[in-house]
Amino acid sequence: MIFIAAKFKVRPEFADHWLEIAGPFTAATRAEPGCRWYDWSRSVDDPSVYVLLEAFADQDAGAAHVNSAHFAEARRTLPPHLVATPEIINVTIDQDGWSELGELAVRSS
C-alpha cells in the first residue's frame, strides 16, 4: 500500500473554505478503485494548515491517481489557493489498511 501524508499551507483568505475548494478533487479521488482513503484534517495550532492522509492499494493505483483527469485539474486549480508548495511524506508499506493501536486498546467492561 502507498501511504501519503501531505501538509497544505492555505492562503488565509481561503482557509475556511479549503474543504469546499478541494471538494471536487477529494470526491473524485475517493471514487478511484485503488483509493483506500483520502482524509483531510485541519491543524489545531494553525487554521491555515491542512493535513491530508491518503492511501492507495499499490503502485498501479497511485499511478492511476496522478495520471487522472481530476489530478491534472487539481494541479491547475489548487495552487493559487496555497501559500507554498505542499510538503509530503510518501512511503510504500506492507500493509492493507489501518492497524489497531494496541497501547491504547479499548476494553469492553
Protein backbone atom coordinates (compact mmCIF):
# COMPACT_ATOMS: atom_id res chain seq x y z
CA MET A 1 0.00 0.00 0.00
CA ILE A 2 1.17 3.54 -0.71
CA PHE A 3 0.67 5.80 2.32
CA ILE A 4 0.94 9.56 1.92
CA ALA A 5 0.79 12.42 4.39
CA ALA A 6 0.76 15.87 2.82
CA LYS A 7 0.71 19.27 4.53
CA PHE A 8 -1.03 22.16 2.75
CA LYS A 9 -0.48 25.78 3.85
CA VAL A 10 -3.59 27.54 2.54
CA ARG A 11 -3.79 31.29 1.98
CA PRO A 12 -5.62 32.77 5.00
CA GLU A 13 -8.44 34.19 2.89
CA PHE A 14 -9.24 30.66 1.63
CA ALA A 15 -8.57 28.67 4.80
CA ASP A 16 -12.19 28.47 5.97
CA HIS A 17 -13.28 27.27 2.52
CA TRP A 18 -10.45 24.86 1.68
CA LEU A 19 -12.56 21.72 2.02
CA GLU A 20 -15.08 23.18 -0.43
CA ILE A 21 -12.32 24.29 -2.80
CA ALA A 22 -10.69 20.85 -2.74
CA GLY A 23 -14.08 19.10 -2.62
CA PRO A 24 -14.41 18.03 -6.27
CA PHE A 25 -10.86 16.65 -6.28
CA THR A 26 -11.46 14.89 -2.96
CA ALA A 27 -14.68 13.26 -4.19
CA ALA A 28 -13.11 12.14 -7.47
CA THR A 29 -10.08 10.70 -5.69
CA ARG A 30 -12.21 8.83 -3.16
CA ALA A 31 -14.13 7.29 -6.08
CA GLU A 32 -10.96 5.79 -7.60
CA PRO A 33 -10.99 1.99 -7.32
CA GLY A 34 -7.50 1.88 -5.77
CA CYS A 35 -8.07 4.61 -3.20
CA ARG A 36 -8.08 3.20 0.34
CA TRP A 37 -8.74 6.58 1.99
CA TYR A 38 -8.35 10.29 1.35
CA ASP A 39 -8.96 12.26 4.55
CA TRP A 40 -8.38 15.92 5.41
CA SER A 41 -7.69 17.32 8.88
CA ARG A 42 -7.22 20.91 9.95
CA SER A 43 -4.40 21.90 12.29
CA VAL A 44 -5.47 22.92 15.78
CA ASP A 45 -2.36 25.14 16.01
CA ASP A 46 -2.63 26.94 12.65
CA PRO A 47 -6.06 27.13 11.00
CA SER A 48 -4.48 27.77 7.60
CA VAL A 49 -2.74 24.36 7.62
CA TYR A 50 -4.49 21.20 6.43
CA VAL A 51 -3.04 17.71 6.56
CA LEU A 52 -4.13 15.10 4.06
CA LEU A 53 -3.78 11.39 4.82
CA GLU A 54 -4.23 9.25 1.75
CA ALA A 55 -3.57 5.67 0.78
CA PHE A 56 -3.67 3.72 -2.45
CA ALA A 57 -3.74 -0.05 -2.91
CA ASP A 58 -0.46 -0.27 -4.83
CA GLN A 59 1.84 1.43 -7.34
CA ASP A 60 -0.68 0.96 -10.16
CA ALA A 61 -3.40 2.70 -8.14
CA GLY A 62 -1.00 5.52 -7.29
CA ALA A 63 -0.07 5.92 -10.96
CA ALA A 64 -3.73 5.93 -11.98
CA HIS A 65 -4.33 8.70 -9.44
CA VAL A 66 -1.54 11.02 -10.61
CA ASN A 67 -2.42 10.39 -14.26
CA SER A 68 -6.15 11.06 -13.81
CA ALA A 69 -8.01 14.00 -15.35
CA HIS A 70 -9.07 15.23 -11.90
CA PHE A 71 -5.42 15.25 -10.75
CA ALA A 72 -4.48 17.36 -13.78
CA GLU A 73 -7.34 19.72 -12.96
CA ALA A 74 -6.22 19.96 -9.31
CA ARG A 75 -2.68 20.83 -10.42
CA ARG A 76 -4.21 23.79 -12.24
CA THR A 77 -6.85 24.93 -9.75
CA LEU A 78 -5.50 24.27 -6.24
CA PRO A 79 -2.05 26.00 -6.18
CA PRO A 80 -3.45 29.57 -6.44
CA HIS A 81 -5.08 28.97 -3.04
CA LEU A 82 -1.82 27.92 -1.38
CA VAL A 83 0.97 29.90 0.30
CA ALA A 84 3.66 27.35 -0.64
CA THR A 85 4.18 24.00 -2.31
CA PRO A 86 2.70 21.27 -0.09
CA GLU A 87 5.10 19.09 1.90
CA ILE A 88 4.78 15.33 1.58
CA ILE A 89 5.77 12.03 3.10
CA ASN A 90 5.25 9.16 0.68
CA VAL A 91 6.05 5.56 1.63
CA THR A 92 5.16 2.11 0.42
CA ILE A 93 4.29 -0.20 3.27
CA ASP A 94 3.47 -3.89 3.54
CA GLN A 95 0.01 -3.33 4.93
CA ASP A 96 -3.53 -3.15 3.56
CA GLY A 97 -5.17 -0.70 5.96
CA TRP A 98 -5.13 0.64 9.48
CA SER A 99 -3.86 -1.44 12.40
CA GLU A 100 -5.06 -1.11 15.97
CA LEU A 101 -3.02 0.99 18.40
CA GLY A 102 -2.62 -1.76 20.99
CA GLU A 103 -1.12 0.54 23.63
CA LEU A 104 -4.48 2.35 23.84
CA ALA A 105 -6.71 -0.68 23.44
CA VAL A 106 -10.33 -0.13 24.39
CA ARG A 107 -11.59 -2.95 26.55
CA SER A 108 -15.25 -3.70 26.98
CA SER A 109 -16.49 -3.53 30.56
